Amino acid sequence: MIVFTLTISTLLRHSHHQIFIVVGYWMHHILSSLERRSNIFDAVWPRNFIPTSGAPVLTVILALV
């Protein structure tokens, strides 16, 4: 457990900027889709968007905070 925590801490220390860029990209994608489409379901879950789960990343970030 200690090794896992140290590994995640080190990864977050060196990659937090990339995480913010990815989150910003997702938010920009969702907001631009909302402006272009009238269907809310297409905006939140577009057909050409690769489904990825952000829950594990958010869990690790919140656990370390």
PDB file of N, CA and C in Angstrom:
ATOM      1  N   MET A   1       0.822  -1.193   0.000  1.00  0.00           N
ATOM      2  CA  MET A   1       0.000   0.000   0.000  1.00  0.00           C
ATOM      3  C   MET A   1       0.868   1.259   0.000  1.00  0.00           C
ATOM      4  N   ILE A   2       1.953   1.223   0.748  1.00  0.00           N
ATOM      5  CA  ILE A   2       2.855   2.375   0.788  1.00  0.00           C
ATOM      6  C   ILE A   2       3.533   2.569  -0.565  1.00  0.00           C
ATOM      7  N   VAL A   3       3.930   1.461  -1.188  1.00  0.00           N
ATOM      8  CA  VAL A   3       4.562   1.554  -2.510  1.00  0.00           C
ATOM      9  C   VAL A   3       3.580   2.129  -3.524  1.00  0.00           C
ATOM     10  N   PHE A   4       2.328   1.676  -3.464  1.00  0.00           N
ATOM     11  CA  PHE A   4       1.293   2.192  -4.365  1.00  0.00           C
ATOM     12  C   PHE A   4       1.104   3.694  -4.166  1.00  0.00           C
ATOM     13  N   THR A   5       1.008   4.127  -2.920  1.00  0.00           N
ATOM     14  CA  THR A   5       0.815   5.547  -2.623  1.00  0.00           C
ATOM     15  C   THR A   5       2.002   6.377  -3.097  1.00  0.00           C
ATOM     16  N   LEU A   6       3.209   5.897  -2.860  1.00  0.00           N
ATOM     17  CA  LEU A   6       4.393   6.621  -3.319  1.00  0.00           C
ATOM     18  C   LEU A   6       4.460   6.686  -4.844  1.00  0.00           C
ATOM     19  N   THR A   7       4.073   5.603  -5.497  1.00  0.00           N
ATOM     20  CA  THR A   7       4.073   5.586  -6.959  1.00  0.00           C
ATOM     21  C   THR A   7       3.077   6.583  -7.522  1.00  0.00           C
ATOM     22  N   ILE A   8       1.861   6.580  -6.992  1.00  0.00           N
ATOM     23  CA  ILE A   8       0.833   7.509  -7.463  1.00  0.00           C
ATOM     24  C   ILE A   8       1.240   8.950  -7.160  1.00  0.00           C
ATOM     25  N   SER A   9       1.804   9.188  -5.995  1.00  0.00           N
ATOM     26  CA  SER A   9       2.247  10.543  -5.648  1.00  0.00           C
ATOM     27  C   SER A   9       3.320  11.036  -6.609  1.00  0.00           C
ATOM     28  N   THR A  10       4.263  10.171  -6.929  1.00  0.00           N
ATOM     29  CA  THR A  10       5.320  10.545  -7.863  1.00  0.00           C
ATOM     30  C   THR A  10       4.764  10.804  -9.250  1.00  0.00           C
ATOM     31  N   LEU A  11       3.857   9.941  -9.697  1.00  0.00           N
ATOM     32  CA  LEU A  11       3.255  10.140 -11.015  1.00  0.00           C
ATOM     33  C   LEU A  11       2.469  11.442 -11.078  1.00  0.00           C
ATOM     34  N   LEU A  12       1.705  11.739 -10.037  1.00  0.00           N
ATOM     35  CA  LEU A  12       0.927  12.972 -10.028  1.00  0.00           C
ATOM     36  C   LEU A  12       1.823  14.203  -9.940  1.00  0.00           C
ATOM     37  N   ARG A  13       2.919  14.082  -9.225  1.00  0.00           N
ATOM     38  CA  ARG A  13       3.829  15.219  -9.095  1.00  0.00           C
ATOM     39  C   ARG A  13       4.410  15.608 -10.452  1.00  0.00           C
ATOM     40  N   HIS A  14       4.684  14.598 -11.278  1.00  0.00           N
ATOM     41  CA  HIS A  14       5.326  14.870 -12.561  1.00  0.00           C
ATOM     42  C   HIS A  14       4.347  14.969 -13.725  1.00  0.00           C
ATOM     43  N   SER A  15       3.080  14.627 -13.520  1.00  0.00           N
ATOM     44  CA  SER A  15       2.137  14.637 -14.647  1.00  0.00           C
ATOM     45  C   SER A  15       0.871  15.430 -14.357  1.00  0.00           C
ATOM     46  N   HIS A  16       0.844  16.267 -13.337  1.00  0.00           N
ATOM     47  CA  HIS A  16      -0.382  16.992 -13.019  1.00  0.00           C
ATOM     48  C   HIS A  16      -0.755  17.969 -14.129  1.00  0.00           C
ATOM     49  N   HIS A  17       0.230  18.518 -14.806  1.00  0.00           N
ATOM     50  CA  HIS A  17      -0.073  19.451 -15.900  1.00  0.00           C
ATOM     51  C   HIS A  17      -0.800  18.729 -17.043  1.00  0.00           C
ATOM     52  N   GLN A  18      -0.375  17.512 -17.377  1.00  0.00           N
ATOM     53  CA  GLN A  18      -1.032  16.748 -18.427  1.00  0.00           C
ATOM     54  C   GLN A  18      -2.455  16.379 -18.030  1.00  0.00           C
ATOM     55  N   ILE A  19      -2.678  16.101 -16.742  1.00  0.00           N
ATOM     56  CA  ILE A  19      -4.026  15.776 -16.272  1.00  0.00           C
ATOM     57  C   ILE A  19      -4.939  16.975 -16.457  1.00  0.00           C
ATOM     58  N   PHE A  20      -4.455  18.175 -16.121  1.00  0.00           N
ATOM     59  CA  PHE A  20      -5.262  19.380 -16.312  1.00  0.00           C
ATOM     60  C   PHE A  20      -5.557  19.622 -17.785  1.00  0.00           C
ATOM     61  N   ILE A  21      -4.598  19.332 -18.655  1.00  0.00           N
ATOM     62  CA  ILE A  21      -4.818  19.507 -20.091  1.00  0.00           C
ATOM     63  C   ILE A  21      -5.898  18.554 -20.586  1.00  0.00           C
ATOM     64  N   VAL A  22      -5.869  17.298 -20.144  1.00  0.00           N
ATOM     65  CA  VAL A  22      -6.876  16.318 -20.563  1.00  0.00           C
ATOM     66  C   VAL A  22      -8.256  16.712 -20.056  1.00  0.00           C
ATOM     67  N   VAL A  23      -8.354  17.134 -18.799  1.00  0.00           N
ATOM     68  CA  VAL A  23      -9.645  17.560 -18.248  1.00  0.00           C
ATOM     69  C   VAL A  23     -10.152  18.788 -18.998  1.00  0.00           C
ATOM     70  N   GLY A  24      -9.269  19.720 -19.305  1.00  0.00           N
ATOM     71  CA  GLY A  24      -9.658  20.893 -20.084  1.00  0.00           C
ATOM     72  C   GLY A  24     -10.133  20.519 -21.475  1.00  0.00           C
ATOM     73  N   TYR A  25      -9.466  19.542 -22.092  1.00  0.00           N
ATOM     74  CA  TYR A  25      -9.889  19.075 -23.416  1.00  0.00           C
ATOM     75  C   TYR A  25     -11.284  18.465 -23.350  1.00  0.00           C
ATOM     76  N   TRP A  26     -11.534  17.634 -22.327  1.00  0.00           N
ATOM     77  CA  TRP A  26     -12.867  17.021 -22.184  1.00  0.00           C
ATOM     78  C   TRP A  26     -13.936  18.085 -21.981  1.00  0.00           C
ATOM     79  N   MET A  27     -13.651  19.062 -21.122  1.00  0.00           N
ATOM     80  CA  MET A  27     -14.636  20.116 -20.869  1.00  0.00           C
ATOM     81  C   MET A  27     -14.885  20.945 -22.128  1.00  0.00           C
ATOM     82  N   HIS A  28     -13.830  21.259 -22.863  1.00  0.00           N
ATOM     83  CA  HIS A  28     -13.990  22.009 -24.107  1.00  0.00           C
ATOM     84  C   HIS A  28     -14.814  21.207 -25.114  1.00  0.00           C
ATOM     85  N   HIS A  29     -14.548  19.909 -25.198  1.00  0.00           N
ATOM     86  CA  HIS A  29     -15.282  19.047 -26.122  1.00  0.00           C
ATOM     87  C   HIS A  29     -16.769  19.001 -25.762  1.00  0.00           C
ATOM     88  N   ILE A  30     -17.074  18.849 -24.498  1.00  0.00           N
ATOM     89  CA  ILE A  30     -18.475  18.775 -24.066  1.00  0.00           C
ATOM     90  C   ILE A  30     -19.176  20.111 -24.285  1.00  0.00           C
ATOM     91  N   LEU A  31     -18.526  21.218 -23.927  1.00  0.00           N
ATOM     92  CA  LEU A  31     -19.154  22.524 -24.095  1.00  0.00           C
ATOM     93  C   LEU A  31     -19.349  22.881 -25.562  1.00  0.00           C
ATOM     94  N   SER A  32     -18.376  22.553 -26.404  1.00  0.00           N
ATOM     95  CA  SER A  32     -18.554  22.846 -27.826  1.00  0.00           C
ATOM     96  C   SER A  32     -19.632  21.961 -28.430  1.00  0.00           C
ATOM     97  N   SER A  33     -19.770  20.731 -27.937  1.00  0.00           N
ATOM     98  CA  SER A  33     -20.834  19.851 -28.414  1.00  0.00           C
ATOM     99  C   SER A  33     -22.198  20.370 -27.979  1.00  0.00           C
ATOM    100  N   LEU A  34     -22.274  20.936 -26.780  1.00  0.00           N
ATOM    101  CA  LEU A  34     -23.543  21.508 -26.317  1.00  0.00           C
ATOM    102  C   LEU A  34     -23.965  22.690 -27.185  1.00  0.00           C
ATOM    103  N   GLU A  35     -22.998  23.475 -27.647  1.00  0.00           N
ATOM    104  CA  GLU A  35     -23.330  24.620 -28.484  1.00  0.00           C
ATOM    105  C   GLU A  35     -23.798  24.196 -29.868  1.00  0.00           C
ATOM    106  N   ARG A  36     -23.249  23.098 -30.393  1.00  0.00           N
ATOM    107  CA  ARG A  36     -23.577  22.670 -31.748  1.00  0.00           C
ATOM    108  C   ARG A  36     -24.820  21.799 -31.832  1.00  0.00           C
ATOM    109  N   ARG A  37     -25.155  21.097 -30.776  1.00  0.00           N
ATOM    110  CA  ARG A  37     -26.239  20.119 -30.832  1.00  0.00           C
ATOM    111  C   ARG A  37     -27.372  20.511 -29.907  1.00  0.00           C
ATOM    112  N   SER A  38     -28.564  20.147 -30.331  1.00  0.00           N
ATOM    113  CA  SER A  38     -29.722  20.411 -29.481  1.00  0.00           C
ATOM    114  C   SER A  38     -30.020  19.216 -28.585  1.00  0.00           C
ATOM    115  N   ASN A  39     -29.507  18.052 -28.931  1.00  0.00           N
ATOM    116  CA  ASN A  39     -29.745  16.847 -28.144  1.00  0.00           C
ATOM    117  C   ASN A  39     -28.683  16.754 -27.047  1.00  0.00           C
ATOM    118  N   ILE A  40     -29.102  16.800 -25.808  1.00  0.00           N
ATOM    119  CA  ILE A  40     -28.169  16.791 -24.676  1.00  0.00           C
ATOM    120  C   ILE A  40     -27.395  15.481 -24.594  1.00  0.00           C
ATOM    121  N   PHE A  41     -28.001  14.365 -25.018  1.00  0.00           N
ATOM    122  CA  PHE A  41     -27.324  13.075 -24.913  1.00  0.00           C
ATOM    123  C   PHE A  41     -26.176  12.965 -25.911  1.00  0.00           C
ATOM    124  N   ASP A  42     -26.324  13.561 -27.101  1.00  0.00           N
ATOM    125  CA  ASP A  42     -25.222  13.570 -28.050  1.00  0.00           C
ATOM    126  C   ASP A  42     -24.090  14.464 -27.573  1.00  0.00           C
ATOM    127  N   ALA A  43     -24.421  15.501 -26.835  1.00  0.00           N
ATOM    128  CA  ALA A  43     -23.389  16.416 -26.350  1.00  0.00           C
ATOM    129  C   ALA A  43     -22.573  15.790 -25.227  1.00  0.00           C
ATOM    130  N   VAL A  44     -23.243  15.086 -24.328  1.00  0.00           N
ATOM    131  CA  VAL A  44     -22.534  14.484 -23.198  1.00  0.00           C
ATOM    132  C   VAL A  44     -21.819  13.204 -23.612  1.00  0.00           C
ATOM    133  N   TRP A  45     -22.419  12.428 -24.495  1.00  0.00           N
ATOM    134  CA  TRP A  45     -21.839  11.164 -24.926  1.00  0.00           C
ATOM    135  C   TRP A  45     -21.862  11.106 -26.451  1.00  0.00           C
ATOM    136  N   PRO A  46     -20.978  11.860 -27.132  1.00  0.00           N
ATOM    137  CA  PRO A  46     -20.993  11.866 -28.591  1.00  0.00           C
ATOM    138  C   PRO A  46     -20.647  10.500 -29.156  1.00  0.00           C
ATOM    139  N   ARG A  47     -21.134  10.227 -30.338  1.00  0.00           N
ATOM    140  CA  ARG A  47     -20.940   8.907 -30.947  1.00  0.00           C
ATOM    141  C   ARG A  47     -19.483   8.639 -31.318  1.00  0.00           C
ATOM    142  N   ASN A  48     -18.734   9.672 -31.639  1.00  0.00           N
ATOM    143  CA  ASN A  48     -17.345   9.474 -32.061  1.00  0.00           C
ATOM    144  C   ASN A  48     -16.340   9.659 -30.922  1.00  0.00           C
ATOM    145  N   PHE A  49     -16.810   9.723 -29.699  1.00  0.00           N
ATOM    146  CA  PHE A  49     -15.941   9.939 -28.541  1.00  0.00           C
ATOM    147  C   PHE A  49     -15.612   8.599 -27.903  1.00  0.00           C
ATOM    148  N   ILE A  50     -14.342   8.330 -27.639  1.00  0.00           N
ATOM    149  CA  ILE A  50     -13.934   7.066 -27.029  1.00  0.00           C
ATOM    150  C   ILE A  50     -14.324   7.094 -25.557  1.00  0.00           C
ATOM    151  N   PRO A  51     -15.132   6.134 -25.108  1.00  0.00           N
ATOM    152  CA  PRO A  51     -15.567   6.158 -23.705  1.00  0.00           C
ATOM    153  C   PRO A  51     -14.418   5.847 -22.752  1.00  0.00           C
ATOM    154  N   THR A  52     -14.153   6.751 -21.853  1.00  0.00           N
ATOM    155  CA  THR A  52     -13.151   6.533 -20.816  1.00  0.00           C
ATOM    156  C   THR A  52     -13.764   6.926 -19.481  1.00  0.00           C
ATOM    157  N   SER A  53     -13.350   6.245 -18.468  1.00  0.00           N
ATOM    158  CA  SER A  53     -13.892   6.511 -17.147  1.00  0.00           C
ATOM    159  C   SER A  53     -12.927   7.397 -16.370  1.00  0.00           C
ATOM    160  N   GLY A  54     -13.418   8.528 -15.904  1.00  0.00           N
ATOM    161  CA  GLY A  54     -12.588   9.425 -15.110  1.00  0.00           C
ATOM    162  C   GLY A  54     -12.687   9.159 -13.627  1.00  0.00           C
ATOM    163  N   ALA A  55     -13.562   8.238 -13.228  1.00  0.00           N
ATOM    164  CA  ALA A  55     -13.765   7.967 -11.807  1.00  0.00           C
ATOM    165  C   ALA A  55     -12.498   7.472 -11.107  1.00  0.00           C
ATOM    166  N   PRO A  56     -11.723   6.542 -11.677  1.00  0.00           N
ATOM    167  CA  PRO A  56     -10.503   6.119 -10.980  1.00  0.00           C
ATOM    168  C   PRO A  56      -9.493   7.249 -10.799  1.00  0.00           C
ATOM    169  N   VAL A  57      -9.357   8.094 -11.809  1.00  0.00           N
ATOM    170  CA  VAL A  57      -8.413   9.208 -11.707  1.00  0.00           C
ATOM    171  C   VAL A  57      -8.865  10.182 -10.627  1.00  0.00           C
ATOM    172  N   LEU A  58     -10.155  10.515 -10.621  1.00  0.00           N
ATOM    173  CA  LEU A  58     -10.670  11.430  -9.604  1.00  0.00           C
ATOM    174  C   LEU A  58     -10.553  10.840  -8.204  1.00  0.00           C
ATOM    175  N   THR A  59     -10.754   9.536  -8.079  1.00  0.00           N
ATOM    176  CA  THR A  59     -10.634   8.884  -6.776  1.00  0.00           C
ATOM    177  C   THR A  59      -9.211   9.001  -6.240  1.00  0.00           C
ATOM    178  N   VAL A  60      -8.230   8.760  -7.098  1.00  0.00           N
ATOM    179  CA  VAL A  60      -6.831   8.847  -6.668  1.00  0.00           C
ATOM    180  C   VAL A  60      -6.474  10.281  -6.302  1.00  0.00           C
ATOM    181  N   ILE A  61      -6.916  11.239  -7.119  1.00  0.00           N
ATOM    182  CA  ILE A  61      -6.602  12.643  -6.835  1.00  0.00           C
ATOM    183  C   ILE A  61      -7.227  13.085  -5.519  1.00  0.00           C
ATOM    184  N   LEU A  62      -8.494  12.739  -5.312  1.00  0.00           N
ATOM    185  CA  LEU A  62      -9.158  13.130  -4.069  1.00  0.00           C
ATOM    186  C   LEU A  62      -8.565  12.416  -2.858  1.00  0.00           C
ATOM    187  N   ALA A  63      -8.126  11.181  -3.032  1.00  0.00           N
ATOM    188  CA  ALA A  63      -7.521  10.450  -1.920  1.00  0.00           C
ATOM    189  C   ALA A  63      -6.191  11.082  -1.504  1.00  0.00           C
ATOM    190  N   LEU A  64      -5.448  11.594  -2.473  1.00  0.00           N
ATOM    191  CA  LEU A  64      -4.159  12.194  -2.154  1.00  0.00           C
ATOM    192  C   LEU A  64      -4.285  13.607  -1.608  1.00  0.00           C
ATOM    193  N   VAL A  65      -5.396  14.252  -1.896  1.00  0.00           N
ATOM    194  CA  VAL A  65      -5.601  15.604  -1.371  1.00  0.00           C
ATOM    195  C   VAL A  65      -5.990  15.483   0.077  1.00  0.00           C
TER     196      VAL A  65
END
